[in-house]
Amino acid sequence: MALLLVFEGLLPLISPGGWRRLFEQMLAMSNGQIRFFGLCSIVIGLISLALLT
């Protein structure tokens, strides 16, 4: 969990303008698109955990 916070903090630290644009684009997405990306993130995370253990 701590490593996730480190990775999530890198983009706003390195490029606050890019982070703001990315966030604005995410706000323009529909709920279905956001759910799809959330599902993809979960699947990739589970696959990564399975490969590491």
N, C-alpha and C. Protein backbone atom coordinates (compact mmCIF):
# COMPACT_ATOMS: atom_id res chain seq x y z
N MET A 1 0.82 -1.18 0.00
CA MET A 1 0.00 0.00 0.00
C MET A 1 0.87 1.26 0.00
N ALA A 2 1.95 1.22 0.77
CA ALA A 2 2.84 2.38 0.82
C ALA A 2 3.50 2.62 -0.53
N LEU A 3 3.88 1.55 -1.21
CA LEU A 3 4.50 1.69 -2.53
C LEU A 3 3.51 2.28 -3.53
N LEU A 4 2.25 1.95 -3.43
CA LEU A 4 1.22 2.52 -4.29
C LEU A 4 1.13 4.04 -4.10
N LEU A 5 1.20 4.49 -2.87
CA LEU A 5 1.18 5.92 -2.59
C LEU A 5 2.40 6.63 -3.17
N VAL A 6 3.54 5.98 -3.13
CA VAL A 6 4.75 6.55 -3.72
C VAL A 6 4.56 6.72 -5.22
N PHE A 7 4.08 5.68 -5.90
CA PHE A 7 3.88 5.75 -7.35
C PHE A 7 2.83 6.79 -7.72
N GLU A 8 1.75 6.87 -6.95
CA GLU A 8 0.71 7.84 -7.24
C GLU A 8 1.16 9.27 -7.02
N GLY A 9 2.12 9.48 -6.15
CA GLY A 9 2.63 10.81 -5.88
C GLY A 9 3.67 11.29 -6.88
N LEU A 10 4.21 10.39 -7.69
CA LEU A 10 5.27 10.79 -8.62
C LEU A 10 4.79 11.75 -9.71
N LEU A 11 3.66 11.46 -10.34
CA LEU A 11 3.21 12.31 -11.44
C LEU A 11 2.90 13.74 -10.99
N PRO A 12 2.15 13.95 -9.90
CA PRO A 12 1.92 15.34 -9.47
C PRO A 12 3.22 16.05 -9.07
N LEU A 13 4.18 15.30 -8.55
CA LEU A 13 5.45 15.90 -8.16
C LEU A 13 6.27 16.30 -9.37
N ILE A 14 6.34 15.41 -10.36
CA ILE A 14 7.18 15.66 -11.54
C ILE A 14 6.52 16.63 -12.51
N SER A 15 5.22 16.46 -12.76
CA SER A 15 4.54 17.28 -13.75
C SER A 15 3.14 17.65 -13.28
N PRO A 16 3.02 18.69 -12.47
CA PRO A 16 1.69 19.05 -11.97
C PRO A 16 0.73 19.46 -13.08
N GLY A 17 1.23 20.11 -14.12
CA GLY A 17 0.35 20.50 -15.23
C GLY A 17 -0.18 19.29 -15.99
N GLY A 18 0.69 18.32 -16.22
CA GLY A 18 0.27 17.09 -16.89
C GLY A 18 -0.71 16.30 -16.06
N TRP A 19 -0.50 16.30 -14.74
CA TRP A 19 -1.42 15.61 -13.85
C TRP A 19 -2.80 16.26 -13.89
N ARG A 20 -2.81 17.60 -13.91
CA ARG A 20 -4.08 18.33 -13.95
C ARG A 20 -4.84 18.03 -15.25
N ARG A 21 -4.11 18.01 -16.39
CA ARG A 21 -4.76 17.70 -17.68
C ARG A 21 -5.31 16.28 -17.68
N LEU A 22 -4.54 15.34 -17.15
CA LEU A 22 -4.99 13.95 -17.07
C LEU A 22 -6.25 13.85 -16.22
N PHE A 23 -6.27 14.55 -15.11
CA PHE A 23 -7.42 14.51 -14.22
C PHE A 23 -8.65 15.12 -14.89
N GLU A 24 -8.46 16.22 -15.63
CA GLU A 24 -9.58 16.83 -16.35
C GLU A 24 -10.13 15.89 -17.42
N GLN A 25 -9.26 15.15 -18.10
CA GLN A 25 -9.71 14.18 -19.10
C GLN A 25 -10.49 13.05 -18.43
N MET A 26 -10.04 12.63 -17.25
CA MET A 26 -10.76 11.57 -16.54
C MET A 26 -12.15 12.04 -16.12
N LEU A 27 -12.27 13.30 -15.73
CA LEU A 27 -13.58 13.83 -15.33
C LEU A 27 -14.55 13.87 -16.50
N ALA A 28 -14.03 13.97 -17.73
CA ALA A 28 -14.88 14.01 -18.91
C ALA A 28 -15.34 12.62 -19.36
N MET A 29 -14.76 11.56 -18.78
CA MET A 29 -15.12 10.19 -19.17
C MET A 29 -16.48 9.81 -18.58
N SER A 30 -17.13 8.86 -19.25
CA SER A 30 -18.39 8.33 -18.71
C SER A 30 -18.09 7.34 -17.59
N ASN A 31 -19.11 7.02 -16.81
CA ASN A 31 -18.93 6.05 -15.72
C ASN A 31 -18.49 4.69 -16.24
N GLY A 32 -19.01 4.29 -17.39
CA GLY A 32 -18.64 3.00 -17.97
C GLY A 32 -17.16 2.95 -18.34
N GLN A 33 -16.65 4.04 -18.89
CA GLN A 33 -15.23 4.08 -19.25
C GLN A 33 -14.35 4.02 -18.00
N ILE A 34 -14.74 4.73 -16.97
CA ILE A 34 -13.97 4.71 -15.72
C ILE A 34 -14.00 3.32 -15.10
N ARG A 35 -15.16 2.67 -15.13
CA ARG A 35 -15.26 1.30 -14.60
C ARG A 35 -14.38 0.33 -15.39
N PHE A 36 -14.34 0.50 -16.72
CA PHE A 36 -13.52 -0.37 -17.56
C PHE A 36 -12.05 -0.23 -17.18
N PHE A 37 -11.56 1.00 -17.02
CA PHE A 37 -10.17 1.20 -16.64
C PHE A 37 -9.89 0.67 -15.24
N GLY A 38 -10.86 0.80 -14.34
CA GLY A 38 -10.70 0.23 -13.01
C GLY A 38 -10.60 -1.28 -13.06
N LEU A 39 -11.43 -1.91 -13.88
CA LEU A 39 -11.39 -3.36 -14.04
C LEU A 39 -10.05 -3.80 -14.63
N CYS A 40 -9.58 -3.09 -15.65
CA CYS A 40 -8.28 -3.42 -16.26
C CYS A 40 -7.16 -3.30 -15.23
N SER A 41 -7.22 -2.27 -14.40
CA SER A 41 -6.21 -2.08 -13.36
C SER A 41 -6.22 -3.23 -12.36
N ILE A 42 -7.40 -3.68 -11.97
CA ILE A 42 -7.51 -4.80 -11.03
C ILE A 42 -6.95 -6.07 -11.65
N VAL A 43 -7.30 -6.34 -12.90
CA VAL A 43 -6.82 -7.56 -13.57
C VAL A 43 -5.30 -7.54 -13.69
N ILE A 44 -4.74 -6.41 -14.10
CA ILE A 44 -3.28 -6.30 -14.24
C ILE A 44 -2.61 -6.47 -12.88
N GLY A 45 -3.18 -5.89 -11.83
CA GLY A 45 -2.63 -6.06 -10.49
C GLY A 45 -2.67 -7.49 -10.02
N LEU A 46 -3.79 -8.18 -10.28
CA LEU A 46 -3.89 -9.59 -9.86
C LEU A 46 -2.92 -10.48 -10.63
N ILE A 47 -2.76 -10.22 -11.91
CA ILE A 47 -1.81 -10.99 -12.71
C ILE A 47 -0.39 -10.74 -12.20
N SER A 48 -0.07 -9.49 -11.90
CA SER A 48 1.26 -9.16 -11.38
C SER A 48 1.52 -9.86 -10.05
N LEU A 49 0.52 -9.86 -9.18
CA LEU A 49 0.68 -10.57 -7.89
C LEU A 49 0.88 -12.06 -8.10
N ALA A 50 0.13 -12.64 -9.03
CA ALA A 50 0.26 -14.07 -9.29
C ALA A 50 1.65 -14.41 -9.83
N LEU A 51 2.18 -13.54 -10.66
CA LEU A 51 3.50 -13.79 -11.22
C LEU A 51 4.61 -13.60 -10.19
N LEU A 52 4.40 -12.72 -9.23
CA LEU A 52 5.43 -12.45 -8.24
C LEU A 52 5.44 -13.45 -7.08
N THR A 53 4.35 -14.16 -6.90
CA THR A 53 4.30 -15.11 -5.77
C THR A 53 4.47 -16.53 -6.23
